[in-house]
Amino acid sequence: EMGFRGGGALGTTSRTKRMRTSFKHHQLRTMKSYFAINHNPDAKD
């Protein structure tokens, strides 16, 4: 499972900063409407 829980222990050995993901307006709109229906899309059930 690659859940993102905040901790910060991962990737501390590497000095290269990962690019932050940016979404287009229509992508955000689509995701927001989907999350309104399904609050946890990664759930297995």
Protein backbone atom coordinates (compact mmCIF):
# COMPACT_ATOMS: atom_id res chain seq x y z
CA GLU A 1 0.00 0.00 0.00
CA MET A 2 1.35 3.39 -0.96
CA GLY A 3 -0.87 5.46 1.32
CA PHE A 4 0.25 9.03 1.95
CA ARG A 5 0.00 9.65 5.66
CA GLY A 6 2.34 12.63 6.12
CA GLY A 7 5.29 11.35 8.22
CA GLY A 8 8.18 12.46 6.08
CA ALA A 9 10.55 9.51 6.60
CA LEU A 10 10.31 8.51 2.95
CA GLY A 11 12.77 10.03 0.53
CA THR A 12 14.83 11.93 3.08
CA THR A 13 18.08 10.44 1.76
CA SER A 14 17.49 11.95 -1.67
CA ARG A 15 18.22 15.64 -2.13
CA THR A 16 16.18 16.07 -5.31
CA LYS A 17 12.82 17.68 -4.64
CA ARG A 18 9.92 16.05 -6.42
CA MET A 19 7.79 18.21 -8.65
CA ARG A 20 4.42 19.04 -7.13
CA THR A 21 1.50 17.65 -9.09
CA SER A 22 -0.63 20.34 -10.66
CA PHE A 23 -4.08 19.76 -12.11
CA LYS A 24 -6.02 21.64 -14.74
CA HIS A 25 -9.35 23.22 -13.83
CA HIS A 26 -11.42 20.56 -15.60
CA GLN A 27 -9.43 17.80 -13.88
CA LEU A 28 -10.06 19.34 -10.45
CA ARG A 29 -13.75 19.70 -11.22
CA THR A 30 -13.95 16.04 -12.24
CA MET A 31 -12.10 14.85 -9.15
CA LYS A 32 -14.16 17.00 -6.79
CA SER A 33 -17.41 15.67 -8.21
CA TYR A 34 -16.10 12.11 -7.93
CA PHE A 35 -14.96 12.59 -4.33
CA ALA A 36 -18.41 13.96 -3.48
CA ILE A 37 -19.80 10.55 -4.48
CA ASN A 38 -16.96 8.29 -3.31
CA HIS A 39 -15.04 9.67 -0.33
CA ASN A 40 -12.40 6.93 -0.42
CA PRO A 41 -11.73 5.77 -3.99
CA ASP A 42 -8.74 3.64 -2.91
CA ALA A 43 -10.88 1.49 -0.62
CA LYS A 44 -10.92 -2.17 -1.58
CA ASP A 45 -14.61 -2.74 -0.92
